[in-house]
């Protein structure tokens, strides 16, 4: 498995993976699915996007990377990760996070922060903590799940 910068021809598969996570409604804050038109603009607007490609050349995951804030806090970045459901549990998320961290550092970011990791997303939390991310606290009822109930979110950060 290889992680590389995305290319224009990757956008349809990236969109399908992204939309799968959005539709599940348990991890991303977005509620609107990307369309062929909006996906191009969305991925192009990021500071960087990477894709995980399996041995057969199939895109199985992706990340987006962008500033978390502006001005005096513009050195802090934020990222989101999506792995296609049929590829989960194969350490693709780990490869995406590590590549994202390297890319963020190359782009001059000093800190990578996740604003809204859902407390019940144990696999993501375990991954981040195993890589040295520190939890900043908890925000009760910070995330509305797909079924309408609210879960606690846990912000995380790491210095790059």
C-alpha atoms as a PDB file:
ATOM      1  CA  UNK A   1       0.000   0.000   0.000  1.00  0.00           C
ATOM      2  CA  UNK A   2       1.264   3.423  -0.988  1.00  0.00           C
ATOM      3  CA  UNK A   3       0.156   6.940  -0.001  1.00  0.00           C
ATOM      4  CA  UNK A   4       0.606   9.648  -2.623  1.00  0.00           C
ATOM      5  CA  UNK A   5      -0.773  13.084  -3.481  1.00  0.00           C
ATOM      6  CA  UNK A   6      -4.158  12.929  -5.169  1.00  0.00           C
ATOM      7  CA  UNK A   7      -4.587  13.473  -8.891  1.00  0.00           C
ATOM      8  CA  UNK A   8      -7.604  14.757 -10.785  1.00  0.00           C
ATOM      9  CA  UNK A   9      -8.481  11.271 -12.018  1.00  0.00           C
ATOM     10  CA  UNK A  10      -8.708  10.092  -8.369  1.00  0.00           C
ATOM     11  CA  UNK A  11     -11.612  12.419  -7.538  1.00  0.00           C
ATOM     12  CA  UNK A  12     -14.504  10.021  -8.378  1.00  0.00           C
ATOM     13  CA  UNK A  13     -13.171   7.285  -6.057  1.00  0.00           C
ATOM     14  CA  UNK A  14     -12.229   9.839  -3.410  1.00  0.00           C
ATOM     15  CA  UNK A  15     -15.764  11.204  -3.584  1.00  0.00           C
ATOM     16  CA  UNK A  16     -17.286   7.748  -3.113  1.00  0.00           C
ATOM     17  CA  UNK A  17     -15.116   7.054  -0.047  1.00  0.00           C
ATOM     18  CA  UNK A  18     -15.750  10.507   1.432  1.00  0.00           C
ATOM     19  CA  UNK A  19     -19.501  10.211   0.880  1.00  0.00           C
ATOM     20  CA  UNK A  20     -19.588   6.775   2.497  1.00  0.00           C
ATOM     21  CA  UNK A  21     -18.206   8.257   5.733  1.00  0.00           C
ATOM     22  CA  UNK A  22     -20.477  11.306   5.583  1.00  0.00           C
ATOM     23  CA  UNK A  23     -23.544   9.095   5.000  1.00  0.00           C
ATOM     24  CA  UNK A  24     -22.666   6.905   7.996  1.00  0.00           C
ATOM     25  CA  UNK A  25     -23.032  10.028  10.138  1.00  0.00           C
ATOM     26  CA  UNK A  26     -20.770   8.883  12.963  1.00  0.00           C
ATOM     27  CA  UNK A  27     -17.433  10.607  12.294  1.00  0.00           C
ATOM     28  CA  UNK A  28     -17.451  13.645   9.975  1.00  0.00           C
ATOM     29  CA  UNK A  29     -19.326  16.861  10.827  1.00  0.00           C
ATOM     30  CA  UNK A  30     -20.416  17.296   7.192  1.00  0.00           C
ATOM     31  CA  UNK A  31     -23.981  16.336   6.296  1.00  0.00           C
ATOM     32  CA  UNK A  32     -24.039  17.167   2.587  1.00  0.00           C
ATOM     33  CA  UNK A  33     -22.670  14.592   0.164  1.00  0.00           C
ATOM     34  CA  UNK A  34     -20.204  15.724  -2.449  1.00  0.00           C
ATOM     35  CA  UNK A  35     -21.317  15.730  -6.075  1.00  0.00           C
ATOM     36  CA  UNK A  36     -19.132  15.455  -9.151  1.00  0.00           C
ATOM     37  CA  UNK A  37     -19.170  19.254  -9.335  1.00  0.00           C
ATOM     38  CA  UNK A  38     -18.628  20.058  -5.662  1.00  0.00           C
ATOM     39  CA  UNK A  39     -15.981  17.360  -5.130  1.00  0.00           C
ATOM     40  CA  UNK A  40     -13.513  18.942  -7.548  1.00  0.00           C
ATOM     41  CA  UNK A  41     -13.716  22.282  -5.766  1.00  0.00           C
ATOM     42  CA  UNK A  42     -13.658  20.703  -2.296  1.00  0.00           C
ATOM     43  CA  UNK A  43     -10.517  18.617  -2.809  1.00  0.00           C
ATOM     44  CA  UNK A  44      -8.761  21.383  -4.781  1.00  0.00           C
ATOM     45  CA  UNK A  45      -9.390  23.862  -1.934  1.00  0.00           C
ATOM     46  CA  UNK A  46      -7.371  21.849   0.592  1.00  0.00           C
ATOM     47  CA  UNK A  47      -3.723  22.565   1.406  1.00  0.00           C
ATOM     48  CA  UNK A  48      -3.045  18.925   0.489  1.00  0.00           C
ATOM     49  CA  UNK A  49      -4.889  15.678  -0.159  1.00  0.00           C
ATOM     50  CA  UNK A  50      -3.341  12.238  -0.081  1.00  0.00           C
ATOM     51  CA  UNK A  51      -4.717   8.913  -1.248  1.00  0.00           C
ATOM     52  CA  UNK A  52      -3.877   5.389  -0.119  1.00  0.00           C
ATOM     53  CA  UNK A  53      -3.541   3.052  -3.084  1.00  0.00           C
ATOM     54  CA  UNK A  54      -3.494  -0.737  -2.745  1.00  0.00           C
ATOM     55  CA  UNK A  55      -1.234  -3.112  -4.693  1.00  0.00           C
ATOM     56  CA  UNK A  56      -3.791  -3.278  -7.508  1.00  0.00           C
ATOM     57  CA  UNK A  57      -3.882   0.507  -7.913  1.00  0.00           C
ATOM     58  CA  UNK A  58      -7.275   0.934  -6.224  1.00  0.00           C
ATOM     59  CA  UNK A  59      -7.788   3.955  -3.982  1.00  0.00           C
ATOM     60  CA  UNK A  60      -8.817   2.666  -0.560  1.00  0.00           C
ATOM     61  CA  UNK A  61      -8.506   5.794   1.595  1.00  0.00           C
ATOM     62  CA  UNK A  62      -7.727   9.488   1.629  1.00  0.00           C
ATOM     63  CA  UNK A  63      -6.982  12.498   3.758  1.00  0.00           C
ATOM     64  CA  UNK A  64      -7.555  16.208   3.471  1.00  0.00           C
ATOM     65  CA  UNK A  65      -5.267  18.751   5.156  1.00  0.00           C
ATOM     66  CA  UNK A  66      -5.924  22.457   5.680  1.00  0.00           C
ATOM     67  CA  UNK A  67      -5.366  25.279   8.187  1.00  0.00           C
ATOM     68  CA  UNK A  68      -7.385  24.964  11.367  1.00  0.00           C
ATOM     69  CA  UNK A  69      -7.533  28.738  11.772  1.00  0.00           C
ATOM     70  CA  UNK A  70      -6.110  31.976  10.341  1.00  0.00           C
ATOM     71  CA  UNK A  71      -3.587  34.636  11.209  1.00  0.00           C
ATOM     72  CA  UNK A  72      -1.810  34.088  14.517  1.00  0.00           C
ATOM     73  CA  UNK A  73      -3.168  30.546  14.655  1.00  0.00           C
ATOM     74  CA  UNK A  74      -2.531  29.745  10.982  1.00  0.00           C
ATOM     75  CA  UNK A  75       0.385  27.456  11.880  1.00  0.00           C
ATOM     76  CA  UNK A  76      -2.096  24.912  13.276  1.00  0.00           C
ATOM     77  CA  UNK A  77      -3.593  22.540  10.728  1.00  0.00           C
ATOM     78  CA  UNK A  78      -6.527  20.172  10.730  1.00  0.00           C
ATOM     79  CA  UNK A  79      -7.118  16.978   8.788  1.00  0.00           C
ATOM     80  CA  UNK A  80      -9.778  14.387   8.097  1.00  0.00           C
ATOM     81  CA  UNK A  81      -9.266  10.751   7.111  1.00  0.00           C
ATOM     82  CA  UNK A  82     -11.550   8.336   5.290  1.00  0.00           C
ATOM     83  CA  UNK A  83     -10.989   4.660   4.562  1.00  0.00           C
ATOM     84  CA  UNK A  84     -13.391   2.640   2.402  1.00  0.00           C
ATOM     85  CA  UNK A  85     -15.345   0.241   4.612  1.00  0.00           C
ATOM     86  CA  UNK A  86     -14.037  -2.866   2.864  1.00  0.00           C
ATOM     87  CA  UNK A  87     -10.442  -1.805   3.647  1.00  0.00           C
ATOM     88  CA  UNK A  88     -10.849  -0.904   7.308  1.00  0.00           C
ATOM     89  CA  UNK A  89      -8.755  -2.758   9.871  1.00  0.00           C
ATOM     90  CA  UNK A  90      -5.699  -2.993   7.581  1.00  0.00           C
ATOM     91  CA  UNK A  91      -3.698  -0.089   9.117  1.00  0.00           C
ATOM     92  CA  UNK A  92      -4.468   2.200   6.176  1.00  0.00           C
ATOM     93  CA  UNK A  93      -5.539   4.946   8.560  1.00  0.00           C
ATOM     94  CA  UNK A  94      -2.125   4.816  10.236  1.00  0.00           C
ATOM     95  CA  UNK A  95      -0.353   5.223   6.889  1.00  0.00           C
ATOM     96  CA  UNK A  96      -2.636   8.149   5.997  1.00  0.00           C
ATOM     97  CA  UNK A  97      -2.035   9.934   9.319  1.00  0.00           C
ATOM     98  CA  UNK A  98       1.744   9.488   9.111  1.00  0.00           C
ATOM     99  CA  UNK A  99       1.866  10.786   5.537  1.00  0.00           C
ATOM    100  CA  UNK A 100      -0.394  13.682   6.500  1.00  0.00           C
ATOM    101  CA  UNK A 101       1.904  14.605   9.396  1.00  0.00           C
ATOM    102  CA  UNK A 102       4.947  14.616   7.082  1.00  0.00           C
ATOM    103  CA  UNK A 103       3.091  16.699   4.502  1.00  0.00           C
ATOM    104  CA  UNK A 104       1.868  19.168   7.117  1.00  0.00           C
ATOM    105  CA  UNK A 105       5.387  19.666   8.416  1.00  0.00           C
ATOM    106  CA  UNK A 106       6.679  20.192   4.863  1.00  0.00           C
ATOM    107  CA  UNK A 107       3.996  22.849   4.344  1.00  0.00           C
ATOM    108  CA  UNK A 108       5.217  24.703   7.440  1.00  0.00           C
ATOM    109  CA  UNK A 109       2.517  23.746   9.913  1.00  0.00           C
ATOM    110  CA  UNK A 110       3.719  23.316  13.511  1.00  0.00           C
ATOM    111  CA  UNK A 111       0.717  21.593  15.087  1.00  0.00           C
ATOM    112  CA  UNK A 112      -1.894  19.139  13.801  1.00  0.00           C
ATOM    113  CA  UNK A 113      -5.186  19.390  15.687  1.00  0.00           C
ATOM    114  CA  UNK A 114      -8.374  17.350  15.433  1.00  0.00           C
ATOM    115  CA  UNK A 115     -11.334  19.363  16.670  1.00  0.00           C
ATOM    116  CA  UNK A 116     -14.040  16.738  16.921  1.00  0.00           C
ATOM    117  CA  UNK A 117     -13.006  13.108  17.387  1.00  0.00           C
ATOM    118  CA  UNK A 118     -16.155  11.308  18.507  1.00  0.00           C
ATOM    119  CA  UNK A 119     -15.518   9.647  21.875  1.00  0.00           C
ATOM    120  CA  UNK A 120     -17.050   6.359  20.713  1.00  0.00           C
ATOM    121  CA  UNK A 121     -14.685   6.200  17.715  1.00  0.00           C
ATOM    122  CA  UNK A 122     -12.298   3.971  19.653  1.00  0.00           C
ATOM    123  CA  UNK A 123     -10.223   2.886  16.662  1.00  0.00           C
ATOM    124  CA  UNK A 124      -9.415   6.491  15.678  1.00  0.00           C
ATOM    125  CA  UNK A 125      -8.660   7.467  19.277  1.00  0.00           C
ATOM    126  CA  UNK A 126      -6.395   4.451  19.746  1.00  0.00           C
ATOM    127  CA  UNK A 127      -4.559   5.273  16.512  1.00  0.00           C
ATOM    128  CA  UNK A 128      -4.029   8.920  17.422  1.00  0.00           C
ATOM    129  CA  UNK A 129      -2.858   8.114  20.935  1.00  0.00           C
ATOM    130  CA  UNK A 130      -0.465   5.421  19.633  1.00  0.00           C
ATOM    131  CA  UNK A 131       1.121   8.081  17.396  1.00  0.00           C
ATOM    132  CA  UNK A 132       1.618  10.507  20.278  1.00  0.00           C
ATOM    133  CA  UNK A 133      -1.422  12.764  19.920  1.00  0.00           C
ATOM    134  CA  UNK A 134      -2.632  14.259  23.195  1.00  0.00           C
ATOM    135  CA  UNK A 135      -6.266  14.664  24.119  1.00  0.00           C
ATOM    136  CA  UNK A 136      -7.180  18.242  25.048  1.00  0.00           C
ATOM    137  CA  UNK A 137     -10.342  17.419  26.991  1.00  0.00           C
ATOM    138  CA  UNK A 138     -13.935  16.548  26.217  1.00  0.00           C
ATOM    139  CA  UNK A 139     -16.926  18.449  24.884  1.00  0.00           C
ATOM    140  CA  UNK A 140     -20.130  16.760  26.038  1.00  0.00           C
ATOM    141  CA  UNK A 141     -22.863  16.550  23.410  1.00  0.00           C
ATOM    142  CA  UNK A 142     -20.491  18.003  20.818  1.00  0.00           C
ATOM    143  CA  UNK A 143     -21.438  15.728  17.921  1.00  0.00           C
ATOM    144  CA  UNK A 144     -24.888  14.870  16.589  1.00  0.00           C
ATOM    145  CA  UNK A 145     -24.865  11.284  15.400  1.00  0.00           C
ATOM    146  CA  UNK A 146     -26.774  10.097  12.343  1.00  0.00           C
ATOM    147  CA  UNK A 147     -29.596   8.763  14.533  1.00  0.00           C
ATOM    148  CA  UNK A 148     -29.997  12.157  16.249  1.00  0.00           C
ATOM    149  CA  UNK A 149     -28.428  11.470  19.644  1.00  0.00           C
ATOM    150  CA  UNK A 150     -25.413  13.438  20.836  1.00  0.00           C
ATOM    151  CA  UNK A 151     -21.970  12.088  21.687  1.00  0.00           C
ATOM    152  CA  UNK A 152     -18.987  13.608  23.437  1.00  0.00           C
ATOM    153  CA  UNK A 153     -16.125  14.803  21.242  1.00  0.00           C
ATOM    154  CA  UNK A 154     -12.443  14.757  22.170  1.00  0.00           C
ATOM    155  CA  UNK A 155     -10.087  17.286  20.578  1.00  0.00           C
ATOM    156  CA  UNK A 156      -6.548  15.979  19.955  1.00  0.00           C
ATOM    157  CA  UNK A 157      -3.259  17.593  18.906  1.00  0.00           C
ATOM    158  CA  UNK A 158       0.371  16.809  18.201  1.00  0.00           C
ATOM    159  CA  UNK A 159       3.346  19.079  17.639  1.00  0.00           C
ATOM    160  CA  UNK A 160       4.960  18.368  14.288  1.00  0.00           C
END
